[in-house]
Amino acid sequence: MFQGFSRTIKAYLDVEDLKLEDYDSAVIHGGFGLDKLRTNKHVLSFIKSIINDERIFPIIYYGPKYLSQLKL
């Protein structure tokens, strides 16, 4: 559940349930809510798995902060 800008958005998948085999790529884009995800160990593990498996991972605006969090 994300709350911000007077809107609530319900996610259809929890970050704890992300599985590498379900995705060919991932995109991290800009936005204020992503700062909270940057410190989530499940999100960081998923991103590291995508990169280590050499899948497509374009980074836009906020993406480099994830890479720095992973020390990549």
N, C-alpha and C. Protein backbone atom coordinates (compact mmCIF):
# COMPACT_ATOMS: atom_id res chain seq x y z
N MET A 1 0.85 -1.17 0.00
CA MET A 1 0.00 0.00 0.00
C MET A 1 0.89 1.23 0.00
N PHE A 2 0.66 2.12 -0.91
CA PHE A 2 1.41 3.37 -0.99
C PHE A 2 0.45 4.53 -0.78
N GLN A 3 0.82 5.44 0.09
CA GLN A 3 0.00 6.62 0.31
C GLN A 3 0.84 7.86 0.06
N GLY A 4 0.33 8.73 -0.74
CA GLY A 4 1.03 9.97 -1.03
C GLY A 4 0.25 10.79 -2.03
N PHE A 5 0.44 12.07 -2.00
CA PHE A 5 -0.25 12.96 -2.91
C PHE A 5 -1.76 12.74 -2.87
N SER A 6 -2.30 12.48 -1.69
CA SER A 6 -3.74 12.28 -1.47
C SER A 6 -4.30 11.08 -2.22
N ARG A 7 -3.46 10.11 -2.53
CA ARG A 7 -3.93 8.90 -3.21
C ARG A 7 -3.36 7.67 -2.50
N THR A 8 -4.11 6.62 -2.52
CA THR A 8 -3.66 5.34 -2.00
C THR A 8 -3.66 4.35 -3.15
N ILE A 9 -2.56 3.65 -3.33
CA ILE A 9 -2.44 2.66 -4.39
C ILE A 9 -2.16 1.31 -3.76
N LYS A 10 -2.97 0.33 -4.06
CA LYS A 10 -2.78 -1.01 -3.54
C LYS A 10 -1.96 -1.82 -4.53
N ALA A 11 -0.86 -2.38 -4.08
CA ALA A 11 -0.01 -3.19 -4.93
C ALA A 11 -0.63 -4.57 -5.12
N TYR A 12 -0.40 -5.16 -6.27
CA TYR A 12 -0.91 -6.50 -6.52
C TYR A 12 0.12 -7.56 -6.14
N LEU A 13 1.31 -7.14 -5.75
CA LEU A 13 2.36 -8.08 -5.37
C LEU A 13 3.24 -7.43 -4.31
N ASP A 14 3.52 -8.15 -3.25
CA ASP A 14 4.43 -7.64 -2.22
C ASP A 14 5.87 -7.84 -2.68
N VAL A 15 6.76 -6.95 -2.32
CA VAL A 15 8.15 -7.07 -2.75
C VAL A 15 8.79 -8.36 -2.24
N GLU A 16 8.31 -8.89 -1.16
CA GLU A 16 8.83 -10.15 -0.63
C GLU A 16 8.55 -11.32 -1.57
N ASP A 17 7.57 -11.15 -2.46
CA ASP A 17 7.16 -12.22 -3.36
C ASP A 17 7.78 -12.13 -4.75
N LEU A 18 8.68 -11.17 -4.98
CA LEU A 18 9.33 -11.04 -6.28
C LEU A 18 10.21 -12.27 -6.54
N LYS A 19 10.09 -12.83 -7.75
CA LYS A 19 10.89 -13.99 -8.14
C LYS A 19 11.56 -13.68 -9.47
N LEU A 20 12.85 -13.88 -9.53
CA LEU A 20 13.62 -13.57 -10.72
C LEU A 20 13.06 -14.28 -11.96
N GLU A 21 12.66 -15.52 -11.82
CA GLU A 21 12.17 -16.29 -12.98
C GLU A 21 10.88 -15.74 -13.57
N ASP A 22 10.21 -14.84 -12.88
CA ASP A 22 8.97 -14.25 -13.38
C ASP A 22 9.20 -13.01 -14.24
N TYR A 23 10.46 -12.53 -14.34
CA TYR A 23 10.74 -11.27 -15.01
C TYR A 23 11.91 -11.39 -15.97
N ASP A 24 11.78 -10.72 -17.12
CA ASP A 24 12.88 -10.64 -18.08
C ASP A 24 13.72 -9.40 -17.84
N SER A 25 13.12 -8.39 -17.24
CA SER A 25 13.82 -7.14 -16.98
C SER A 25 13.10 -6.39 -15.87
N ALA A 26 13.69 -5.28 -15.47
CA ALA A 26 13.07 -4.41 -14.47
C ALA A 26 13.49 -2.98 -14.77
N VAL A 27 12.67 -2.03 -14.42
CA VAL A 27 12.97 -0.61 -14.61
C VAL A 27 12.71 0.11 -13.30
N ILE A 28 13.68 0.86 -12.88
CA ILE A 28 13.48 1.73 -11.71
C ILE A 28 13.41 3.15 -12.26
N HIS A 29 12.30 3.81 -12.03
CA HIS A 29 12.10 5.16 -12.55
C HIS A 29 12.09 6.15 -11.40
N GLY A 30 11.84 7.37 -11.68
CA GLY A 30 11.85 8.41 -10.67
C GLY A 30 10.61 8.42 -9.81
N GLY A 31 10.66 9.17 -8.77
CA GLY A 31 9.50 9.33 -7.92
C GLY A 31 9.85 9.35 -6.45
N PHE A 32 9.03 10.02 -5.73
CA PHE A 32 9.26 10.25 -4.31
C PHE A 32 9.11 8.97 -3.48
N GLY A 33 8.20 8.09 -3.84
CA GLY A 33 7.96 6.87 -3.07
C GLY A 33 9.06 5.83 -3.18
N LEU A 34 9.89 5.94 -4.19
CA LEU A 34 10.94 4.95 -4.40
C LEU A 34 12.04 5.03 -3.37
N ASP A 35 12.18 6.12 -2.69
CA ASP A 35 13.23 6.25 -1.68
C ASP A 35 13.03 5.23 -0.56
N LYS A 36 11.81 4.92 -0.24
CA LYS A 36 11.53 3.92 0.80
C LYS A 36 11.93 2.52 0.34
N LEU A 37 11.76 2.24 -0.95
CA LEU A 37 12.12 0.92 -1.47
C LEU A 37 13.63 0.73 -1.55
N ARG A 38 14.38 1.82 -1.65
CA ARG A 38 15.83 1.75 -1.82
C ARG A 38 16.52 1.06 -0.66
N THR A 39 15.90 1.04 0.50
CA THR A 39 16.50 0.40 1.67
C THR A 39 15.84 -0.94 2.00
N ASN A 40 14.93 -1.39 1.16
CA ASN A 40 14.25 -2.66 1.39
C ASN A 40 15.13 -3.81 0.92
N LYS A 41 15.47 -4.73 1.82
CA LYS A 41 16.41 -5.81 1.48
C LYS A 41 15.87 -6.73 0.38
N HIS A 42 14.56 -6.90 0.29
CA HIS A 42 13.98 -7.75 -0.75
C HIS A 42 14.11 -7.10 -2.13
N VAL A 43 13.87 -5.81 -2.19
CA VAL A 43 14.01 -5.08 -3.45
C VAL A 43 15.46 -5.08 -3.90
N LEU A 44 16.38 -4.80 -2.98
CA LEU A 44 17.79 -4.78 -3.32
C LEU A 44 18.28 -6.15 -3.78
N SER A 45 17.82 -7.20 -3.14
CA SER A 45 18.19 -8.56 -3.53
C SER A 45 17.67 -8.88 -4.93
N PHE A 46 16.45 -8.47 -5.22
CA PHE A 46 15.86 -8.70 -6.54
C PHE A 46 16.64 -7.96 -7.61
N ILE A 47 16.97 -6.71 -7.37
CA ILE A 47 17.73 -5.92 -8.35
C ILE A 47 19.12 -6.53 -8.57
N LYS A 48 19.75 -6.94 -7.49
CA LYS A 48 21.06 -7.56 -7.62
C LYS A 48 20.97 -8.85 -8.44
N SER A 49 19.92 -9.62 -8.24
CA SER A 49 19.71 -10.85 -9.01
C SER A 49 19.54 -10.54 -10.49
N ILE A 50 18.77 -9.51 -10.81
CA ILE A 50 18.55 -9.11 -12.21
C ILE A 50 19.88 -8.72 -12.86
N ILE A 51 20.68 -7.95 -12.15
CA ILE A 51 21.96 -7.50 -12.69
C ILE A 51 22.93 -8.67 -12.83
N ASN A 52 23.03 -9.51 -11.81
CA ASN A 52 23.95 -10.65 -11.86
C ASN A 52 23.58 -11.65 -12.94
N ASP A 53 22.30 -11.74 -13.26
CA ASP A 53 21.83 -12.65 -14.30
C ASP A 53 21.92 -12.00 -15.69
N GLU A 54 22.46 -10.78 -15.73
CA GLU A 54 22.66 -10.01 -16.96
C GLU A 54 21.36 -9.79 -17.74
N ARG A 55 20.29 -9.54 -16.99
CA ARG A 55 19.01 -9.18 -17.61
C ARG A 55 18.97 -7.68 -17.82
N ILE A 56 18.04 -7.25 -18.63
CA ILE A 56 17.92 -5.82 -18.93
C ILE A 56 17.47 -5.06 -17.68
N PHE A 57 18.22 -4.02 -17.35
CA PHE A 57 17.89 -3.20 -16.17
C PHE A 57 18.20 -1.74 -16.47
N PRO A 58 17.35 -1.08 -17.25
CA PRO A 58 17.59 0.33 -17.51
C PRO A 58 17.36 1.16 -16.24
N ILE A 59 18.19 2.15 -16.06
CA ILE A 59 18.03 3.01 -14.89
C ILE A 59 17.70 4.42 -15.37
N ILE A 60 16.69 4.99 -14.78
CA ILE A 60 16.20 6.31 -15.15
C ILE A 60 16.07 7.14 -13.87
N TYR A 61 16.59 8.29 -13.87
CA TYR A 61 16.43 9.27 -12.81
C TYR A 61 16.90 8.76 -11.44
N TYR A 62 16.17 7.85 -10.84
CA TYR A 62 16.43 7.42 -9.48
C TYR A 62 17.26 6.13 -9.43
N GLY A 63 17.36 5.42 -10.52
CA GLY A 63 18.05 4.13 -10.57
C GLY A 63 19.45 4.11 -10.02
N PRO A 64 20.30 5.10 -10.31
CA PRO A 64 21.66 5.07 -9.77
C PRO A 64 21.73 5.00 -8.25
N LYS A 65 20.74 5.50 -7.55
CA LYS A 65 20.75 5.40 -6.09
C LYS A 65 20.65 3.95 -5.64
N TYR A 66 19.92 3.12 -6.40
CA TYR A 66 19.86 1.70 -6.09
C TYR A 66 21.21 1.05 -6.32
N LEU A 67 21.86 1.42 -7.41
CA LEU A 67 23.18 0.84 -7.70
C LEU A 67 24.19 1.23 -6.63
N SER A 68 24.13 2.46 -6.15
CA SER A 68 25.05 2.87 -5.10
C SER A 68 24.74 2.14 -3.79
N GLN A 69 23.47 1.86 -3.54
CA GLN A 69 23.08 1.12 -2.34
C GLN A 69 23.66 -0.30 -2.39
N LEU A 70 23.74 -0.86 -3.61
CA LEU A 70 24.28 -2.21 -3.79
C LEU A 70 25.81 -2.19 -3.96
N LYS A 71 26.37 -0.98 -3.98
CA LYS A 71 27.81 -0.79 -4.17
C LYS A 71 28.25 -1.34 -5.54
N LEU A 72 27.44 -1.05 -6.57
CA LEU A 72 27.77 -1.48 -7.94
C LEU A 72 28.21 -0.30 -8.76
